[in-house]
C-alpha atoms as a PDB file:
ATOM      1  CA  MET A   1       9.617 -27.137 -16.881  1.00  0.00           C
ATOM      2  CA  LEU A   2      11.103 -30.287 -15.690  1.00  0.00           C
ATOM      3  CA  THR A   3      13.824 -30.603 -13.368  1.00  0.00           C
ATOM      4  CA  PRO A   4      16.208 -33.377 -11.629  1.00  0.00           C
ATOM      5  CA  ASN A   5      13.928 -32.177  -8.323  1.00  0.00           C
ATOM      6  CA  HIS A   6      10.633 -33.346 -10.162  1.00  0.00           C
ATOM      7  CA  VAL A   7      11.935 -37.087 -11.515  1.00  0.00           C
ATOM      8  CA  VAL A   8      12.903 -37.231  -8.156  1.00  0.00           C
ATOM      9  CA  THR A   9       9.628 -36.561  -6.161  1.00  0.00           C
ATOM     10  CA  ALA A  10       8.032 -38.452  -8.632  1.00  0.00           C
ATOM     11  CA  ALA A  11      10.625 -41.735  -8.032  1.00  0.00           C
ATOM     12  CA  LYS A  12       9.769 -41.054  -4.240  1.00  0.00           C
ATOM     13  CA  ALA A  13       6.105 -41.653  -5.144  1.00  0.00           C
ATOM     14  CA  VAL A  14       6.711 -44.530  -6.996  1.00  0.00           C
ATOM     15  CA  LEU A  15       8.874 -46.286  -4.891  1.00  0.00           C
ATOM     16  CA  PHE A  16       6.286 -45.754  -2.206  1.00  0.00           C
ATOM     17  CA  LEU A  17       3.233 -47.337  -3.943  1.00  0.00           C
ATOM     18  CA  GLY A  18       5.708 -49.774  -5.462  1.00  0.00           C
ATOM     19  CA  ALA A  19       6.728 -50.851  -1.778  1.00  0.00           C
ATOM     20  CA  ALA A  20       3.430 -50.591  -0.579  1.00  0.00           C
ATOM     21  CA  SER A  21       2.176 -52.826  -3.457  1.00  0.00           C
ATOM     22  CA  ALA A  22       4.553 -55.653  -2.544  1.00  0.00           C
ATOM     23  CA  VAL A  23       4.305 -56.015   0.753  1.00  0.00           C
ATOM     24  CA  THR A  24       0.399 -56.431   0.019  1.00  0.00           C
ATOM     25  CA  LEU A  25       1.240 -58.963  -2.410  1.00  0.00           C
ATOM     26  CA  MET A  26       3.706 -60.591  -0.283  1.00  0.00           C
ATOM     27  CA  LEU A  27       1.136 -60.819   2.795  1.00  0.00           C
ATOM     28  CA  GLY A  28      -1.954 -60.828   1.275  1.00  0.00           C
ATOM     29  CA  PRO A  29      -4.164 -63.939   0.444  1.00  0.00           C
ATOM     30  CA  PHE A  30      -3.128 -63.203  -3.464  1.00  0.00           C
ATOM     31  CA  GLN A  31      -0.789 -66.277  -3.330  1.00  0.00           C
ATOM     32  CA  GLY A  32      -0.088 -67.509  -6.675  1.00  0.00           C
ATOM     33  CA  LEU A  33      -1.021 -64.110  -8.529  1.00  0.00           C
ATOM     34  CA  GLU A  34       2.487 -63.873 -10.345  1.00  0.00           C
ATOM     35  CA  GLN A  35       1.543 -67.193 -12.301  1.00  0.00           C
ATOM     36  CA  ALA A  36      -1.007 -65.203 -14.154  1.00  0.00           C
ATOM     37  CA  PHE A  37       1.569 -62.925 -15.560  1.00  0.00           C
ATOM     38  CA  GLY A  38       3.812 -65.899 -16.855  1.00  0.00           C
ATOM     39  CA  LEU A  39       6.469 -65.698 -13.657  1.00  0.00           C
ATOM     40  CA  SER A  40       7.667 -67.607 -11.524  1.00  0.00           C
ATOM     41  CA  ASP A  41       7.609 -67.091  -7.534  1.00  0.00           C
ATOM     42  CA  LYS A  42      11.478 -66.283  -7.591  1.00  0.00           C
ATOM     43  CA  ALA A  43      11.383 -64.326 -11.325  1.00  0.00           C
ATOM     44  CA  ALA A  44       8.394 -61.711  -9.521  1.00  0.00           C
ATOM     45  CA  HIS A  45      11.163 -61.764  -6.198  1.00  0.00           C
ATOM     46  CA  ALA A  46      13.688 -60.714  -8.000  1.00  0.00           C
ATOM     47  CA  LEU A  47      11.613 -58.250 -10.459  1.00  0.00           C
ATOM     48  CA  ALA A  48      10.342 -56.769  -7.448  1.00  0.00           C
ATOM     49  CA  PHE A  49      13.128 -56.419  -5.421  1.00  0.00           C
ATOM     50  CA  GLY A  50      15.640 -55.038  -8.551  1.00  0.00           C
ATOM     51  CA  GLY A  51      12.987 -53.012  -9.757  1.00  0.00           C
ATOM     52  CA  LEU A  52      12.641 -51.382  -5.978  1.00  0.00           C
ATOM     53  CA  THR A  53      16.251 -50.616  -5.641  1.00  0.00           C
ATOM     54  CA  ALA A  54      16.367 -48.767  -9.136  1.00  0.00           C
ATOM     55  CA  VAL A  55      13.761 -46.785  -7.802  1.00  0.00           C
ATOM     56  CA  ALA A  56      15.215 -46.370  -4.861  1.00  0.00           C
ATOM     57  CA  PHE A  57      18.493 -45.162  -6.226  1.00  0.00           C
ATOM     58  CA  LEU A  58      17.040 -42.416  -8.235  1.00  0.00           C
ATOM     59  CA  ALA A  59      14.776 -41.086  -5.305  1.00  0.00           C
ATOM     60  CA  PHE A  60      17.542 -40.601  -3.025  1.00  0.00           C
ATOM     61  CA  PRO A  61      20.476 -39.293  -5.038  1.00  0.00           C
ATOM     62  CA  LYS A  62      22.286 -38.680  -1.883  1.00  0.00           C
ATOM     63  CA  MET A  63      22.243 -41.814  -0.320  1.00  0.00           C
ATOM     64  CA  ARG A  64      25.113 -44.208  -0.707  1.00  0.00           C
ATOM     65  CA  ARG A  65      23.851 -47.136  -2.973  1.00  0.00           C
ATOM     66  CA  ASN A  66      25.237 -49.583  -0.648  1.00  0.00           C
ATOM     67  CA  ASP A  67      23.410 -48.301   2.240  1.00  0.00           C
ATOM     68  CA  LEU A  68      20.356 -48.393   0.080  1.00  0.00           C
ATOM     69  CA  ALA A  69      20.642 -51.864  -1.246  1.00  0.00           C
ATOM     70  CA  ILE A  70      21.178 -52.812   2.602  1.00  0.00           C
ATOM     71  CA  ALA A  71      17.982 -51.318   3.287  1.00  0.00           C
ATOM     72  CA  ALA A  72      16.259 -53.161   0.154  1.00  0.00           C
ATOM     73  CA  ILE A  73      17.548 -56.271   1.296  1.00  0.00           C
ATOM     74  CA  LEU A  74      16.036 -56.029   5.069  1.00  0.00           C
ATOM     75  CA  LEU A  75      12.882 -54.897   3.812  1.00  0.00           C
ATOM     76  CA  GLY A  76      13.162 -58.597   2.034  1.00  0.00           C
ATOM     77  CA  ALA A  77      14.004 -60.251   4.986  1.00  0.00           C
ATOM     78  CA  SER A  78      11.364 -58.410   6.904  1.00  0.00           C
ATOM     79  CA  ALA A  79       9.066 -59.407   4.432  1.00  0.00           C
ATOM     80  CA  GLU A  80       9.895 -63.289   4.721  1.00  0.00           C
ATOM     81  CA  ILE A  81       9.857 -62.962   8.851  1.00  0.00           C
ATOM     82  CA  ALA A  82       6.343 -61.257   8.390  1.00  0.00           C
ATOM     83  CA  GLN A  83       4.628 -64.085   6.125  1.00  0.00           C
ATOM     84  CA  LEU A  84       5.271 -66.567   9.045  1.00  0.00           C
ATOM     85  CA  PHE A  85       2.659 -64.206  10.946  1.00  0.00           C
ATOM     86  CA  ALA A  86       0.300 -64.200   8.159  1.00  0.00           C
ATOM     87  CA  HIS A  87       0.272 -67.784   7.452  1.00  0.00           C
ATOM     88  CA  ARG A  88       2.013 -67.309   4.503  1.00  0.00           C
ATOM     89  CA  SER A  89       5.177 -69.597   3.544  1.00  0.00           C
ATOM     90  CA  ALA A  90       7.996 -68.031   3.938  1.00  0.00           C
ATOM     91  CA  SER A  91      11.610 -69.169   2.821  1.00  0.00           C
ATOM     92  CA  PHE A  92      14.926 -68.544   2.432  1.00  0.00           C
ATOM     93  CA  THR A  93      14.904 -69.067  -1.371  1.00  0.00           C
ATOM     94  CA  ASP A  94      12.439 -66.441  -2.051  1.00  0.00           C
ATOM     95  CA  LEU A  95      14.776 -64.263   0.390  1.00  0.00           C
ATOM     96  CA  ALA A  96      17.892 -64.799  -2.318  1.00  0.00           C
ATOM     97  CA  ALA A  97      15.387 -64.013  -5.288  1.00  0.00           C
ATOM     98  CA  ASP A  98      15.421 -60.574  -3.580  1.00  0.00           C
ATOM     99  CA  VAL A  99      18.807 -60.207  -3.041  1.00  0.00           C
ATOM    100  CA  ALA A 100      19.457 -61.646  -6.410  1.00  0.00           C
ATOM    101  CA  GLY A 101      17.359 -58.919  -7.803  1.00  0.00           C
ATOM    102  CA  ILE A 102      18.740 -56.093  -5.948  1.00  0.00           C
ATOM    103  CA  ALA A 103      22.348 -57.458  -6.701  1.00  0.00           C
ATOM    104  CA  VAL A 104      21.540 -56.901 -10.351  1.00  0.00           C
ATOM    105  CA  VAL A 105      20.377 -53.720 -10.219  1.00  0.00           C
ATOM    106  CA  TYR A 106      23.609 -52.988  -7.370  1.00  0.00           C
ATOM    107  CA  LEU A 107      26.385 -54.515  -9.950  1.00  0.00           C
ATOM    108  CA  ALA A 108      24.449 -52.273 -12.955  1.00  0.00           C
ATOM    109  CA  SER A 109      24.963 -49.110 -11.134  1.00  0.00           C
ATOM    110  CA  HIS A 110      28.435 -49.164 -10.962  1.00  0.00           C
ATOM    111  CA  ILE A 111      28.939 -49.811 -14.733  1.00  0.00           C
ATOM    112  CA  GLU A 112      29.031 -46.223 -15.669  1.00  0.00           C
ATOM    113  CA  ALA A 113      32.269 -45.682 -12.815  1.00  0.00           C
ATOM    114  CA  VAL A 114      33.870 -48.582 -13.994  1.00  0.00           C
ATOM    115  CA  ARG A 115      33.230 -46.870 -17.456  1.00  0.00           C
ATOM    116  CA  ARG A 116      34.613 -44.018 -16.289  1.00  0.00           C
ATOM    117  CA  ASP A 117      37.688 -45.240 -14.833  1.00  0.00           C
ATOM    118  CA  ALA A 118      38.717 -47.280 -18.083  1.00  0.00           C
ATOM    119  CA  ARG A 119      38.356 -43.944 -19.679  1.00  0.00           C
ATOM    120  CA  GLU A 120      40.306 -41.321 -17.192  1.00  0.00           C
ATOM    121  CA  ARG A 121      42.690 -43.702 -15.569  1.00  0.00           C
ATOM    122  CA  GLY A 122      42.668 -46.824 -17.477  1.00  0.00           C
ATOM    123  CA  ALA A 123      46.446 -47.986 -16.750  1.00  0.00           C
ATOM    124  CA  MET A 124      45.991 -47.429 -13.189  1.00  0.00           C
ATOM    125  CA  ARG A 125      45.673 -49.938 -10.393  1.00  0.00           C
ATOM    126  CA  PHE A 126      42.134 -49.957  -8.611  1.00  0.00           C
ATOM    127  CA  SER A 127      44.136 -49.939  -5.470  1.00  0.00           C
ATOM    128  CA  ASP A 128      45.667 -46.392  -6.603  1.00  0.00           C
ATOM    129  CA  ILE A 129      42.597 -45.570  -8.195  1.00  0.00           C
ATOM    130  CA  SER A 130      41.026 -45.616  -4.673  1.00  0.00           C
ATOM    131  CA  ALA A 131      43.636 -44.419  -2.558  1.00  0.00           C
ATOM    132  CA  GLN A 132      43.075 -41.108  -5.028  1.00  0.00           C
ATOM    133  CA  ARG A 133      39.706 -40.696  -4.520  1.00  0.00           C
ATOM    134  CA  GLN A 134      40.193 -41.027  -0.509  1.00  0.00           C
ATOM    135  CA  ARG A 135      42.423 -38.379  -0.884  1.00  0.00           C
ATOM    136  CA  ARG A 136      39.920 -35.705  -2.601  1.00  0.00           C
ATOM    137  CA  ARG A 137      37.213 -36.702  -0.624  1.00  0.00           C
ATOM    138  CA  ARG A 138      39.259 -36.247   2.873  1.00  0.00           C
ATOM    139  CA  ARG A 139      40.266 -32.691   0.760  1.00  0.00           C
ATOM    140  CA  LYS A 140      36.679 -31.454   0.069  1.00  0.00           C
ATOM    141  CA  SER A 141      35.486 -31.977   3.582  1.00  0.00           C
ATOM    142  CA  SER A 142      38.253 -29.509   5.480  1.00  0.00           C
ATOM    143  CA  VAL A 143      36.224 -27.096   7.194  1.00  0.00           C
ATOM    144  CA  VAL A 144      37.237 -23.455   7.113  1.00  0.00           C
ATOM    145  CA  MET A 145      35.441 -21.498  10.385  1.00  0.00           C
ATOM    146  CA  PRO A 146      35.375 -17.649   9.352  1.00  0.00           C
ATOM    147  CA  GLY A 147      37.497 -15.469  10.194  1.00  0.00           C
ATOM    148  CA  ALA A 148      40.561 -18.185  11.293  1.00  0.00           C
ATOM    149  CA  GLY A 149      42.152 -18.376   8.562  1.00  0.00           C
ATOM    150  CA  ALA A 150      40.268 -18.048   5.767  1.00  0.00           C
ATOM    151  CA  THR A 151      41.841 -17.403   2.285  1.00  0.00           C
ATOM    152  CA  GLU A 152      41.735 -14.599   0.134  1.00  0.00           C
ATOM    153  CA  GLY A 153      38.986 -15.521  -1.958  1.00  0.00           C
ATOM    154  CA  GLU A 154      36.729 -16.273   0.930  1.00  0.00           C
ATOM    155  CA  ALA A 155      37.681 -13.203   2.539  1.00  0.00           C
ATOM    156  CA  ALA A 156      36.839 -11.175  -0.613  1.00  0.00           C
ATOM    157  CA  ARG A 157      33.326 -13.137  -0.589  1.00  0.00           C
ATOM    158  CA  GLY A 158      32.167 -11.307   2.870  1.00  0.00           C
ATOM    159  CA  SER A 159      29.562 -12.188   4.895  1.00  0.00           C
ATOM    160  CA  PHE A 160      26.975 -14.549   4.212  1.00  0.00           C
ATOM    161  CA  ALA A 161      24.367 -11.443   4.823  1.00  0.00           C
ATOM    162  CA  SER A 162      26.528  -9.419   1.710  1.00  0.00           C
ATOM    163  CA  ARG A 163      26.320 -12.148  -0.377  1.00  0.00           C
ATOM    164  CA  ALA A 164      22.435 -12.885   0.051  1.00  0.00           C
ATOM    165  CA  ALA A 165      22.263  -8.607  -0.894  1.00  0.00           C
ATOM    166  CA  ALA A 166      24.017  -9.023  -3.775  1.00  0.00           C
ATOM    167  CA  ARG A 167      22.479 -12.282  -4.940  1.00  0.00           C
ATOM    168  CA  PHE A 168      18.773 -10.678  -4.509  1.00  0.00           C
ATOM    169  CA  PRO A 169      18.637  -6.980  -4.193  1.00  0.00           C
ATOM    170  CA  ARG A 170      15.823  -5.095  -2.956  1.00  0.00           C
ATOM    171  CA  GLU A 171      13.075  -4.442  -5.483  1.00  0.00           C
ATOM    172  CA  ALA A 172      12.545  -0.398  -6.375  1.00  0.00           C
END
């Protein structure tokens, strides 16, 4: 049965293979290969890094999109620097194409959040929405020490061992 975890695992494999292929194509003796597919050099860079970013968003659902986008930009910059040592032509315009592909996917990944905000908080200002989210994050991250200030609901649940025993009873 297919689960979201299977999709994440497959995305990680695709990301690894895609990144390895992109680095091989950018550093190997394959200059001009993108023209066989009817692409310019800049379009190939934008498609490759946009695709890698999209797969990275799927492969690492618990990581922030900002961090993944920055990592993709750093990968593009490091590939351009490595091209200098591989006797290839490194250029800032290639890096700009990488960033453009990453930016398109990054911005598209925020569309659903804007749609949700328009449905649920259409009349609120963005600054108020942001403040509301920050308050919600702070509330979720509060830590309750066992035995010290635990609420009635938490005390009723009992210890970890009793909760585990109730969930996984011994087989007879």
